[in-house]
């Protein structure tokens, strides 16, 4: 019951915060892009949460924990904590004052990319029971090298790139791209630090790196 309560509280708080960051600067609830994004984000999130609670409550508990121990990762969290609110508010202001207009076909493409990223996100959680939100080596943790982890070493971050980079377009804003353009840099910093932790603390990870060459994007990096 405590896990359900914590999950519901975070879900409701997240929904309320996103709503405030979008509808308040837009000064209207008649903001189609905001409603589209909220639906794309929170409807699958609810279903994933229910499945995790039923199938893997321990993984759900890890996903709810965001108390980062690594100093570099705490800096990454701060950057992300600034990037998202700024991006949301800027996109909402763009909608309010009509600074830019995203064509419908591009909104659709961005939405499809978002859902593809969400699909990868769900698959990674199915494959990796050690998938914490914090960078750490857990007790009895083993290297996952099959499925998506046989293609890139960090498929979860690939999923978030597909979800977050098109996000301003879903909200109908080109100006919102500016803060979200920092996300790849934030991701690279997080990956480099995480790999150092894993090489030092997770048996077999150094060997895994020699087998799967690409960290994030197949055939690129």
C-alpha atoms as a PDB file:
ATOM      1  CA  UNK A   1       0.000   0.000   0.000  1.00  0.00           C
ATOM      2  CA  UNK A   2       2.887   2.343   0.735  1.00  0.00           C
ATOM      3  CA  UNK A   3       4.281   1.734  -2.768  1.00  0.00           C
ATOM      4  CA  UNK A   4       0.880   2.429  -4.358  1.00  0.00           C
ATOM      5  CA  UNK A   5       0.515   5.596  -2.310  1.00  0.00           C
ATOM      6  CA  UNK A   6       4.002   6.869  -3.243  1.00  0.00           C
ATOM      7  CA  UNK A   7       3.449   6.074  -6.922  1.00  0.00           C
ATOM      8  CA  UNK A   8       0.049   7.827  -6.992  1.00  0.00           C
ATOM      9  CA  UNK A   9       1.373  10.883  -5.179  1.00  0.00           C
ATOM     10  CA  UNK A  10       4.275  11.268  -7.632  1.00  0.00           C
ATOM     11  CA  UNK A  11       1.960  10.659 -10.590  1.00  0.00           C
ATOM     12  CA  UNK A  12      -0.561  13.294  -9.455  1.00  0.00           C
ATOM     13  CA  UNK A  13       2.180  15.783  -8.528  1.00  0.00           C
ATOM     14  CA  UNK A  14       3.843  15.303 -11.905  1.00  0.00           C
ATOM     15  CA  UNK A  15       0.557  15.782 -13.735  1.00  0.00           C
ATOM     16  CA  UNK A  16      -0.246  18.904 -11.711  1.00  0.00           C
ATOM     17  CA  UNK A  17       3.227  20.388 -12.215  1.00  0.00           C
ATOM     18  CA  UNK A  18       3.222  19.846 -15.976  1.00  0.00           C
ATOM     19  CA  UNK A  19      -0.272  21.325 -16.160  1.00  0.00           C
ATOM     20  CA  UNK A  20       0.794  24.432 -14.248  1.00  0.00           C
ATOM     21  CA  UNK A  21       3.952  24.894 -16.341  1.00  0.00           C
ATOM     22  CA  UNK A  22       1.953  24.712 -19.572  1.00  0.00           C
ATOM     23  CA  UNK A  23      -1.496  26.161 -18.948  1.00  0.00           C
ATOM     24  CA  UNK A  24      -0.495  29.004 -16.638  1.00  0.00           C
ATOM     25  CA  UNK A  25       1.997  30.679 -19.065  1.00  0.00           C
ATOM     26  CA  UNK A  26      -0.391  29.971 -21.952  1.00  0.00           C
ATOM     27  CA  UNK A  27      -3.100  31.661 -19.840  1.00  0.00           C
ATOM     28  CA  UNK A  28      -5.708  29.256 -21.186  1.00  0.00           C
ATOM     29  CA  UNK A  29      -6.667  25.616 -20.937  1.00  0.00           C
ATOM     30  CA  UNK A  30      -7.530  25.709 -24.639  1.00  0.00           C
ATOM     31  CA  UNK A  31      -3.997  24.651 -25.552  1.00  0.00           C
ATOM     32  CA  UNK A  32      -4.229  21.582 -27.850  1.00  0.00           C
ATOM     33  CA  UNK A  33      -0.488  20.875 -27.838  1.00  0.00           C
ATOM     34  CA  UNK A  34      -0.416  20.740 -24.053  1.00  0.00           C
ATOM     35  CA  UNK A  35      -3.337  18.319 -23.906  1.00  0.00           C
ATOM     36  CA  UNK A  36      -1.728  16.164 -26.587  1.00  0.00           C
ATOM     37  CA  UNK A  37       1.561  16.003 -24.689  1.00  0.00           C
ATOM     38  CA  UNK A  38      -0.165  15.251 -21.376  1.00  0.00           C
ATOM     39  CA  UNK A  39      -2.081  12.400 -23.015  1.00  0.00           C
ATOM     40  CA  UNK A  40       1.051  11.000 -24.690  1.00  0.00           C
ATOM     41  CA  UNK A  41       3.035  11.140 -21.450  1.00  0.00           C
ATOM     42  CA  UNK A  42       0.633  10.279 -18.654  1.00  0.00           C
ATOM     43  CA  UNK A  43      -1.701   7.689 -20.197  1.00  0.00           C
ATOM     44  CA  UNK A  44       1.118   5.219 -21.046  1.00  0.00           C
ATOM     45  CA  UNK A  45       2.785   6.102 -17.727  1.00  0.00           C
ATOM     46  CA  UNK A  46      -0.319   4.953 -15.856  1.00  0.00           C
ATOM     47  CA  UNK A  47      -0.452   1.627 -17.693  1.00  0.00           C
ATOM     48  CA  UNK A  48       3.289   1.035 -17.247  1.00  0.00           C
ATOM     49  CA  UNK A  49       2.972   1.795 -13.541  1.00  0.00           C
ATOM     50  CA  UNK A  50       0.116  -0.710 -13.162  1.00  0.00           C
ATOM     51  CA  UNK A  51       2.079  -3.403 -15.030  1.00  0.00           C
ATOM     52  CA  UNK A  52       5.196  -2.754 -12.961  1.00  0.00           C
ATOM     53  CA  UNK A  53       3.227  -2.951  -9.713  1.00  0.00           C
ATOM     54  CA  UNK A  54       1.703  -6.260 -10.785  1.00  0.00           C
ATOM     55  CA  UNK A  55       4.803  -7.825 -12.345  1.00  0.00           C
ATOM     56  CA  UNK A  56       7.818  -6.149 -10.715  1.00  0.00           C
ATOM     57  CA  UNK A  57       7.054  -3.951  -7.692  1.00  0.00           C
ATOM     58  CA  UNK A  58      10.773  -3.842  -6.808  1.00  0.00           C
ATOM     59  CA  UNK A  59      11.534  -2.199 -10.166  1.00  0.00           C
ATOM     60  CA  UNK A  60       8.682   0.268  -9.667  1.00  0.00           C
ATOM     61  CA  UNK A  61      10.167   1.217  -6.305  1.00  0.00           C
ATOM     62  CA  UNK A  62      13.576   1.792  -7.920  1.00  0.00           C
ATOM     63  CA  UNK A  63      11.996   3.989 -10.591  1.00  0.00           C
ATOM     64  CA  UNK A  64      10.388   6.128  -7.890  1.00  0.00           C
ATOM     65  CA  UNK A  65      13.713   6.716  -6.145  1.00  0.00           C
ATOM     66  CA  UNK A  66      15.614   9.780  -7.404  1.00  0.00           C
ATOM     67  CA  UNK A  67      18.047  10.342  -4.517  1.00  0.00           C
ATOM     68  CA  UNK A  68      21.264  10.516  -6.513  1.00  0.00           C
ATOM     69  CA  UNK A  69      24.569   9.831  -4.737  1.00  0.00           C
ATOM     70  CA  UNK A  70      26.995  10.647  -7.551  1.00  0.00           C
ATOM     71  CA  UNK A  71      28.105  14.306  -7.567  1.00  0.00           C
ATOM     72  CA  UNK A  72      28.216  14.489 -11.378  1.00  0.00           C
ATOM     73  CA  UNK A  73      24.751  12.998 -11.606  1.00  0.00           C
ATOM     74  CA  UNK A  74      23.382  15.523  -9.115  1.00  0.00           C
ATOM     75  CA  UNK A  75      24.665  18.248 -11.448  1.00  0.00           C
ATOM     76  CA  UNK A  76      22.924  16.541 -14.375  1.00  0.00           C
ATOM     77  CA  UNK A  77      19.669  16.479 -12.398  1.00  0.00           C
ATOM     78  CA  UNK A  78      19.996  20.207 -11.686  1.00  0.00           C
ATOM     79  CA  UNK A  79      20.507  20.945 -15.397  1.00  0.00           C
ATOM     80  CA  UNK A  80      17.519  18.809 -16.321  1.00  0.00           C
ATOM     81  CA  UNK A  81      15.494  20.448 -13.559  1.00  0.00           C
ATOM     82  CA  UNK A  82      16.104  23.792 -15.234  1.00  0.00           C
ATOM     83  CA  UNK A  83      15.776  22.651 -18.835  1.00  0.00           C
ATOM     84  CA  UNK A  84      12.309  21.127 -18.579  1.00  0.00           C
ATOM     85  CA  UNK A  85      10.489  24.000 -16.831  1.00  0.00           C
ATOM     86  CA  UNK A  86      12.148  26.579 -19.086  1.00  0.00           C
ATOM     87  CA  UNK A  87      11.250  24.536 -22.167  1.00  0.00           C
ATOM     88  CA  UNK A  88       7.643  24.083 -21.065  1.00  0.00           C
ATOM     89  CA  UNK A  89       7.143  27.736 -20.156  1.00  0.00           C
ATOM     90  CA  UNK A  90       8.816  28.999 -23.336  1.00  0.00           C
ATOM     91  CA  UNK A  91       6.668  26.681 -25.479  1.00  0.00           C
ATOM     92  CA  UNK A  92       3.514  27.819 -23.673  1.00  0.00           C
ATOM     93  CA  UNK A  93       4.436  31.490 -24.112  1.00  0.00           C
ATOM     94  CA  UNK A  94       5.101  30.778 -27.783  1.00  0.00           C
ATOM     95  CA  UNK A  95       1.562  29.397 -28.088  1.00  0.00           C
ATOM     96  CA  UNK A  96       0.099  32.349 -26.176  1.00  0.00           C
ATOM     97  CA  UNK A  97       1.781  35.064 -28.248  1.00  0.00           C
ATOM     98  CA  UNK A  98       2.007  33.208 -31.557  1.00  0.00           C
ATOM     99  CA  UNK A  99       5.762  33.508 -32.046  1.00  0.00           C
ATOM    100  CA  UNK A 100       5.926  30.371 -34.203  1.00  0.00           C
ATOM    101  CA  UNK A 101       3.638  27.799 -35.768  1.00  0.00           C
ATOM    102  CA  UNK A 102       4.447  24.091 -36.172  1.00  0.00           C
ATOM    103  CA  UNK A 103       2.670  22.411 -39.105  1.00  0.00           C
ATOM    104  CA  UNK A 104       0.336  19.543 -38.257  1.00  0.00           C
ATOM    105  CA  UNK A 105       2.401  16.940 -40.112  1.00  0.00           C
ATOM    106  CA  UNK A 106       5.439  17.798 -37.983  1.00  0.00           C
ATOM    107  CA  UNK A 107       3.368  17.556 -34.789  1.00  0.00           C
ATOM    108  CA  UNK A 108       2.283  14.081 -35.913  1.00  0.00           C
ATOM    109  CA  UNK A 109       5.866  13.011 -36.678  1.00  0.00           C
ATOM    110  CA  UNK A 110       7.022  14.327 -33.292  1.00  0.00           C
ATOM    111  CA  UNK A 111       4.200  12.449 -31.552  1.00  0.00           C
ATOM    112  CA  UNK A 112       5.106   9.203 -33.327  1.00  0.00           C
ATOM    113  CA  UNK A 113       8.759   9.606 -32.319  1.00  0.00           C
ATOM    114  CA  UNK A 114       7.652  10.219 -28.747  1.00  0.00           C
ATOM    115  CA  UNK A 115       5.616   7.008 -28.717  1.00  0.00           C
ATOM    116  CA  UNK A 116       8.474   5.042 -30.307  1.00  0.00           C
ATOM    117  CA  UNK A 117      10.707   6.318 -27.519  1.00  0.00           C
ATOM    118  CA  UNK A 118       8.085   5.294 -24.966  1.00  0.00           C
ATOM    119  CA  UNK A 119       7.962   1.829 -26.517  1.00  0.00           C
ATOM    120  CA  UNK A 120      11.745   1.487 -26.224  1.00  0.00           C
ATOM    121  CA  UNK A 121      11.500   2.746 -22.633  1.00  0.00           C
ATOM    122  CA  UNK A 122       8.962   0.030 -21.772  1.00  0.00           C
ATOM    123  CA  UNK A 123      11.026  -2.680 -23.473  1.00  0.00           C
ATOM    124  CA  UNK A 124      14.167  -1.641 -21.588  1.00  0.00           C
ATOM    125  CA  UNK A 125      12.298  -1.919 -18.298  1.00  0.00           C
ATOM    126  CA  UNK A 126      11.141  -5.400 -19.311  1.00  0.00           C
ATOM    127  CA  UNK A 127      14.716  -6.448 -20.115  1.00  0.00           C
ATOM    128  CA  UNK A 128      16.536  -4.860 -17.175  1.00  0.00           C
ATOM    129  CA  UNK A 129      15.308  -5.475 -13.623  1.00  0.00           C
ATOM    130  CA  UNK A 130      18.176  -3.337 -12.251  1.00  0.00           C
ATOM    131  CA  UNK A 131      16.971  -0.184 -13.982  1.00  0.00           C
ATOM    132  CA  UNK A 132      17.187   2.423 -11.236  1.00  0.00           C
ATOM    133  CA  UNK A 133      16.716   6.162 -11.809  1.00  0.00           C
ATOM    134  CA  UNK A 134      19.965   6.713  -9.907  1.00  0.00           C
ATOM    135  CA  UNK A 135      23.461   5.715 -11.023  1.00  0.00           C
ATOM    136  CA  UNK A 136      24.593   2.871  -8.779  1.00  0.00           C
ATOM    137  CA  UNK A 137      25.730  -0.731  -8.774  1.00  0.00           C
ATOM    138  CA  UNK A 138      23.147  -2.842  -6.977  1.00  0.00           C
ATOM    139  CA  UNK A 139      23.598  -5.993  -4.962  1.00  0.00           C
ATOM    140  CA  UNK A 140      23.816  -9.118  -7.172  1.00  0.00           C
ATOM    141  CA  UNK A 141      23.564  -6.943 -10.297  1.00  0.00           C
ATOM    142  CA  UNK A 142      24.670  -8.571 -13.543  1.00  0.00           C
ATOM    143  CA  UNK A 143      25.421  -7.155 -16.976  1.00  0.00           C
ATOM    144  CA  UNK A 144      22.472  -7.201 -19.386  1.00  0.00           C
ATOM    145  CA  UNK A 145      23.782  -7.798 -22.909  1.00  0.00           C
ATOM    146  CA  UNK A 146      20.771  -9.147 -24.818  1.00  0.00           C
ATOM    147  CA  UNK A 147      17.902  -7.480 -26.654  1.00  0.00           C
ATOM    148  CA  UNK A 148      18.321  -3.727 -27.009  1.00  0.00           C
ATOM    149  CA  UNK A 149      21.427  -3.925 -24.812  1.00  0.00           C
ATOM    150  CA  UNK A 150      23.041  -5.961 -27.582  1.00  0.00           C
ATOM    151  CA  UNK A 151      22.673  -2.976 -29.923  1.00  0.00           C
ATOM    152  CA  UNK A 152      23.601  -0.010 -27.718  1.00  0.00           C
ATOM    153  CA  UNK A 153      24.841   0.091 -24.137  1.00  0.00           C
ATOM    154  CA  UNK A 154      22.292   2.678 -22.969  1.00  0.00           C
ATOM    155  CA  UNK A 155      18.972   2.101 -24.763  1.00  0.00           C
ATOM    156  CA  UNK A 156      17.073   3.907 -21.988  1.00  0.00           C
ATOM    157  CA  UNK A 157      18.820   7.166 -22.852  1.00  0.00           C
ATOM    158  CA  UNK A 158      18.116   6.581 -26.537  1.00  0.00           C
ATOM    159  CA  UNK A 159      14.444   6.287 -25.563  1.00  0.00           C
ATOM    160  CA  UNK A 160      14.530   9.580 -23.662  1.00  0.00           C
ATOM    161  CA  UNK A 161      16.188  11.353 -26.595  1.00  0.00           C
ATOM    162  CA  UNK A 162      13.377  10.198 -28.885  1.00  0.00           C
ATOM    163  CA  UNK A 163      10.838  11.394 -26.334  1.00  0.00           C
ATOM    164  CA  UNK A 164      12.260  14.723 -25.203  1.00  0.00           C
ATOM    165  CA  UNK A 165      13.856  16.215 -28.330  1.00  0.00           C
ATOM    166  CA  UNK A 166      10.549  16.317 -30.292  1.00  0.00           C
ATOM    167  CA  UNK A 167       8.627  17.468 -27.211  1.00  0.00           C
ATOM    168  CA  UNK A 168       8.509  21.202 -28.137  1.00  0.00           C
ATOM    169  CA  UNK A 169       7.104  20.299 -31.551  1.00  0.00           C
ATOM    170  CA  UNK A 170       4.301  18.354 -29.871  1.00  0.00           C
ATOM    171  CA  UNK A 171       3.610  21.519 -27.876  1.00  0.00           C
ATOM    172  CA  UNK A 172       3.516  23.467 -31.158  1.00  0.00           C
ATOM    173  CA  UNK A 173       6.657  25.521 -30.585  1.00  0.00           C
ATOM    174  CA  UNK A 174       9.923  25.995 -32.442  1.00  0.00           C
ATOM    175  CA  UNK A 175      11.256  28.326 -29.745  1.00  0.00           C
ATOM    176  CA  UNK A 176      10.932  25.592 -27.153  1.00  0.00           C
ATOM    177  CA  UNK A 177      13.589  23.612 -29.012  1.00  0.00           C
ATOM    178  CA  UNK A 178      16.293  25.953 -27.668  1.00  0.00           C
ATOM    179  CA  UNK A 179      16.366  24.711 -24.037  1.00  0.00           C
ATOM    180  CA  UNK A 180      15.661  21.101 -25.025  1.00  0.00           C
ATOM    181  CA  UNK A 181      18.647  21.185 -27.407  1.00  0.00           C
ATOM    182  CA  UNK A 182      20.790  20.920 -24.252  1.00  0.00           C
ATOM    183  CA  UNK A 183      19.410  17.470 -23.501  1.00  0.00           C
ATOM    184  CA  UNK A 184      21.884  15.512 -25.692  1.00  0.00           C
ATOM    185  CA  UNK A 185      24.769  17.209 -23.835  1.00  0.00           C
ATOM    186  CA  UNK A 186      23.175  16.368 -20.476  1.00  0.00           C
ATOM    187  CA  UNK A 187      22.732  12.770 -21.645  1.00  0.00           C
ATOM    188  CA  UNK A 188      26.358  12.437 -22.770  1.00  0.00           C
ATOM    189  CA  UNK A 189      27.618  13.741 -19.409  1.00  0.00           C
ATOM    190  CA  UNK A 190      25.374  11.279 -17.571  1.00  0.00           C
ATOM    191  CA  UNK A 191      26.453   8.335 -19.727  1.00  0.00           C
ATOM    192  CA  UNK A 192      30.187   9.006 -19.382  1.00  0.00           C
ATOM    193  CA  UNK A 193      29.917   9.233 -15.599  1.00  0.00           C
ATOM    194  CA  UNK A 194      27.635   6.207 -15.385  1.00  0.00           C
ATOM    195  CA  UNK A 195      30.030   4.076 -17.422  1.00  0.00           C
ATOM    196  CA  UNK A 196      32.888   4.994 -15.096  1.00  0.00           C
ATOM    197  CA  UNK A 197      30.803   3.825 -12.109  1.00  0.00           C
ATOM    198  CA  UNK A 198      29.827   0.602 -13.881  1.00  0.00           C
ATOM    199  CA  UNK A 199      33.361  -0.246 -15.031  1.00  0.00           C
ATOM    200  CA  UNK A 200      34.673   0.275 -11.507  1.00  0.00           C
ATOM    201  CA  UNK A 201      31.888  -1.565  -9.694  1.00  0.00           C
ATOM    202  CA  UNK A 202      30.083  -4.027 -11.994  1.00  0.00           C
ATOM    203  CA  UNK A 203      31.848  -7.253 -12.879  1.00  0.00           C
ATOM    204  CA  UNK A 204      31.867  -7.964 -16.613  1.00  0.00           C
ATOM    205  CA  UNK A 205      30.961  -4.437 -17.729  1.00  0.00           C
ATOM    206  CA  UNK A 206      34.409  -3.669 -19.162  1.00  0.00           C
ATOM    207  CA  UNK A 207      34.168  -6.815 -21.306  1.00  0.00           C
ATOM    208  CA  UNK A 208      30.632  -5.868 -22.342  1.00  0.00           C
ATOM    209  CA  UNK A 209      31.960  -2.514 -23.602  1.00  0.00           C
ATOM    210  CA  UNK A 210      34.316  -4.315 -25.969  1.00  0.00           C
ATOM    211  CA  UNK A 211      31.432  -6.343 -27.429  1.00  0.00           C
ATOM    212  CA  UNK A 212      28.842  -3.559 -27.778  1.00  0.00           C
ATOM    213  CA  UNK A 213      30.743  -0.595 -29.178  1.00  0.00           C
ATOM    214  CA  UNK A 214      28.032   2.070 -29.341  1.00  0.00           C
ATOM    215  CA  UNK A 215      26.804   3.807 -26.224  1.00  0.00           C
ATOM    216  CA  UNK A 216      23.683   5.580 -27.460  1.00  0.00           C
ATOM    217  CA  UNK A 217      23.085   5.676 -31.214  1.00  0.00           C
ATOM    218  CA  UNK A 218      23.811   2.592 -33.375  1.00  0.00           C
ATOM    219  CA  UNK A 219      26.824   3.045 -35.693  1.00  0.00           C
ATOM    220  CA  UNK A 220      27.323   6.624 -34.460  1.00  0.00           C
ATOM    221  CA  UNK A 221      28.343   6.802 -30.772  1.00  0.00           C
END
